Structure formats: C-alpha cells, structure tokens
Amino acid sequence: MDTSNEHEDLRKLAPTLASVPKGDPFVTPEAFFDQFPHQVQAAIVAQRRPVRAAWYRRWALALPVVALLGVGAWWLTRGPELPPVVAAVEVTPLADDELAYLGDIDAESIAAEAGADLGTVDLDLKDEEVMAYLEHEHADLTELIIEE
C-alpha cells in the first residue's frame, strides 16, 4: 500500500482533517501540576468582592424571617376573641294597671301617636329584585295569588 497516495486522497476529500498535525494531544508542559494550584488561588484572590456586600445578603435573608417570626408570635399570643360583655339588666315586673293598659294598645295606635302611617309602603322594585327576594325567602308563588 502506498501511504503517500492515501495521504493525497485524504487531503482531497477532507482538507481540514488532513491539516491537523499528527502528535500526542495529551502532553502537558513541564511543571504544570506544580504551578496550577498557585495560579488558581491567585485568580480566586483577584476576583474576591469586598466584604461589605456580604451583610446586604444577610439582612435580605434575615428580615423576612424575623418578620414571619414576629407575625407568628403575635398570632399565637393574641389569645381567643372574647364575646362582648353584656351588662346585667334588672327587669321590674309591671303592675296590673300597666298590664291592662298594654293590652289595649296596638301597633296602629302607636303609629298614629308617632305620626307615622304604617298602612302604606312605597317601594319601586324591579322584577328581578322581587324574584330574588322570593327565592331567598323560599316563598311559594301560589300563596301570593289573591283571589277575590
């Protein structure tokens, strides 16, 4: 086999591949592994940021945690909500003449004394409002029809 002929064929078919030099790619320079750790350490020292930027990150993490702890402590220590205190009221029984007077009073006489007319109510309701009220009250429409 003629190696020069094969080399010429390779150069025609793949000129980039033929231009790659033939050699050992896994060769390291002399004393590479002795100098490499020192070079890496020097690069790290050169890229270090100032120390004052670190406290910003600490505060950015600490403030939400402190706020959540504060809200949680407040929530746990506020105690149960107590119902409002109702003052005791003493009720005196009515005398017989007062009870007899109350038996004669009705709502219309009270309204007449107050100057109000309870017999008329003026409301302007739309059909949808009336239907919504009747549905809410579960009213039967057949009970509302008045036959005369």
Protein backbone atom coordinates (compact mmCIF):
# COMPACT_ATOMS: atom_id res chain seq x y z
CA MET A 1 0.00 0.00 0.00
CA ASP A 2 1.20 3.43 -0.86
CA THR A 3 0.74 5.80 2.11
CA SER A 4 1.51 8.93 0.13
CA ASN A 5 -1.31 8.13 -2.30
CA GLU A 6 -3.69 7.65 0.63
CA HIS A 7 -2.50 10.91 2.14
CA GLU A 8 -3.21 12.75 -1.14
CA ASP A 9 -6.69 11.18 -1.32
CA LEU A 10 -7.37 12.26 2.25
CA ARG A 11 -6.19 15.80 1.50
CA LYS A 12 -8.62 15.99 -1.47
CA LEU A 13 -11.60 14.57 0.45
CA ALA A 14 -11.05 16.30 3.84
CA PRO A 15 -8.59 19.17 3.71
CA THR A 16 -9.27 20.31 7.30
CA LEU A 17 -8.71 16.87 8.71
CA ALA A 18 -5.52 16.44 6.70
CA SER A 19 -4.18 19.75 8.04
CA VAL A 20 -4.38 18.58 11.69
CA PRO A 21 -0.81 17.94 12.87
CA LYS A 22 -0.05 14.45 13.96
CA GLY A 23 1.15 14.39 17.53
CA ASP A 24 0.30 13.42 21.10
CA PRO A 25 -2.51 15.73 22.35
CA PHE A 26 -2.12 14.61 25.96
CA VAL A 27 1.24 16.18 26.65
CA THR A 28 1.43 18.73 29.49
CA PRO A 29 4.07 21.40 29.86
CA GLU A 30 6.92 20.89 32.32
CA ALA A 31 5.96 21.58 35.98
CA PHE A 32 2.31 22.23 35.04
CA PHE A 33 0.89 20.45 38.06
CA ASP A 34 3.27 22.27 40.39
CA GLN A 35 2.17 25.73 39.18
CA PHE A 36 -1.54 25.11 38.52
CA PRO A 37 -2.86 25.27 42.15
CA HIS A 38 -0.98 28.53 42.73
CA GLN A 39 -2.37 30.08 39.56
CA VAL A 40 -5.94 29.08 40.51
CA GLN A 41 -5.55 30.50 44.02
CA ALA A 42 -4.18 33.77 42.62
CA ALA A 43 -7.15 34.06 40.24
CA ILE A 44 -9.63 33.48 43.09
CA VAL A 45 -8.00 36.11 45.30
CA ALA A 46 -8.09 38.61 42.42
CA GLN A 47 -11.85 38.07 41.89
CA ARG A 48 -12.95 38.40 45.53
CA ARG A 49 -15.61 41.01 46.20
CA PRO A 50 -15.43 43.49 49.04
CA VAL A 51 -16.61 42.16 52.40
CA ARG A 52 -19.22 44.89 52.91
CA ALA A 53 -21.53 43.36 50.26
CA ALA A 54 -21.98 40.24 52.41
CA TRP A 55 -24.04 41.99 55.10
CA TYR A 56 -26.62 43.05 52.50
CA ARG A 57 -27.30 39.39 51.72
CA ARG A 58 -27.52 38.55 55.41
CA TRP A 59 -30.08 41.29 56.01
CA ALA A 60 -32.02 40.33 52.90
CA LEU A 61 -32.40 36.82 54.29
CA ALA A 62 -32.83 37.76 57.94
CA LEU A 63 -35.53 40.45 57.64
CA PRO A 64 -38.27 38.23 56.13
CA VAL A 65 -37.50 35.50 58.66
CA VAL A 66 -37.70 37.96 61.57
CA ALA A 67 -40.93 39.43 60.18
CA LEU A 68 -42.53 35.98 59.88
CA LEU A 69 -41.44 35.08 63.40
CA GLY A 70 -42.89 38.34 64.71
CA VAL A 71 -46.23 37.83 62.99
CA GLY A 72 -46.35 34.23 64.21
CA ALA A 73 -45.62 35.26 67.80
CA TRP A 74 -48.29 37.95 67.65
CA TRP A 75 -50.80 35.48 66.18
CA LEU A 76 -50.13 32.92 68.90
CA THR A 77 -50.15 35.36 71.83
CA ARG A 78 -53.18 37.43 70.92
CA GLY A 79 -55.50 34.91 72.60
CA PRO A 80 -59.04 33.96 71.73
CA GLU A 81 -61.50 36.65 70.90
CA LEU A 82 -63.97 37.01 73.73
CA PRO A 83 -67.61 37.84 73.15
CA PRO A 84 -68.66 41.32 74.17
CA VAL A 85 -69.62 41.66 77.81
CA VAL A 86 -73.33 42.18 78.27
CA ALA A 87 -74.28 44.21 81.29
CA ALA A 88 -76.89 42.68 83.54
CA VAL A 89 -80.20 44.47 83.38
CA GLU A 90 -82.73 44.32 86.14
CA VAL A 91 -86.29 43.93 84.91
CA THR A 92 -89.01 45.12 87.19
CA PRO A 93 -92.36 43.44 86.88
CA LEU A 94 -95.25 45.57 85.65
CA ALA A 95 -98.17 46.42 87.87
CA ASP A 96 -101.65 45.19 87.00
CA ASP A 97 -102.86 48.59 85.76
CA GLU A 98 -99.79 48.84 83.46
CA LEU A 99 -100.51 45.38 82.06
CA ALA A 100 -104.14 46.34 81.42
CA TYR A 101 -103.02 49.49 79.58
CA LEU A 102 -100.67 47.47 77.38
CA GLY A 103 -103.45 45.08 76.44
CA ASP A 104 -105.42 47.92 74.83
CA ILE A 105 -102.54 49.25 72.69
CA ASP A 106 -101.91 48.00 69.15
CA ALA A 107 -99.37 48.94 66.51
CA GLU A 108 -101.71 51.29 64.63
CA SER A 109 -102.41 53.42 67.69
CA ILE A 110 -98.67 53.69 68.42
CA ALA A 111 -98.03 54.72 64.83
CA ALA A 112 -100.86 57.27 64.97
CA GLU A 113 -99.35 58.82 68.11
CA ALA A 114 -95.93 58.96 66.46
CA GLY A 115 -97.38 60.49 63.31
CA ALA A 116 -96.42 57.59 61.04
CA ASP A 117 -98.66 55.80 58.63
CA LEU A 118 -97.88 52.07 58.71
CA GLY A 119 -100.56 51.16 56.21
CA THR A 120 -98.77 52.36 53.07
CA VAL A 121 -95.38 51.38 51.79
CA ASP A 122 -93.93 52.91 48.65
CA LEU A 123 -91.27 50.68 47.04
CA ASP A 124 -90.03 50.73 43.49
CA LEU A 125 -88.70 47.23 42.92
CA LYS A 126 -87.70 45.67 39.67
CA ASP A 127 -88.99 42.25 38.69
CA GLU A 128 -85.54 40.71 39.20
CA GLU A 129 -85.34 42.11 42.74
CA VAL A 130 -88.76 40.75 43.65
CA MET A 131 -87.90 37.29 42.25
CA ALA A 132 -84.58 37.29 44.11
CA TYR A 133 -86.37 38.14 47.36
CA LEU A 134 -88.98 35.42 46.86
CA GLU A 135 -86.30 32.84 46.06
CA HIS A 136 -84.31 33.88 49.11
CA GLU A 137 -87.34 33.55 51.37
CA HIS A 138 -88.41 30.27 49.71
CA ALA A 139 -91.86 31.70 49.14
CA ASP A 140 -94.43 29.76 47.15
CA LEU A 141 -95.85 31.88 44.35
CA THR A 142 -99.25 30.21 44.60
CA GLU A 143 -99.63 31.60 48.14
CA LEU A 144 -99.12 35.14 46.82
CA ILE A 145 -102.04 34.99 44.38
CA ILE A 146 -105.09 36.65 45.90
CA GLU A 147 -108.46 35.50 44.64
CA GLU A 148 -111.42 37.78 45.21
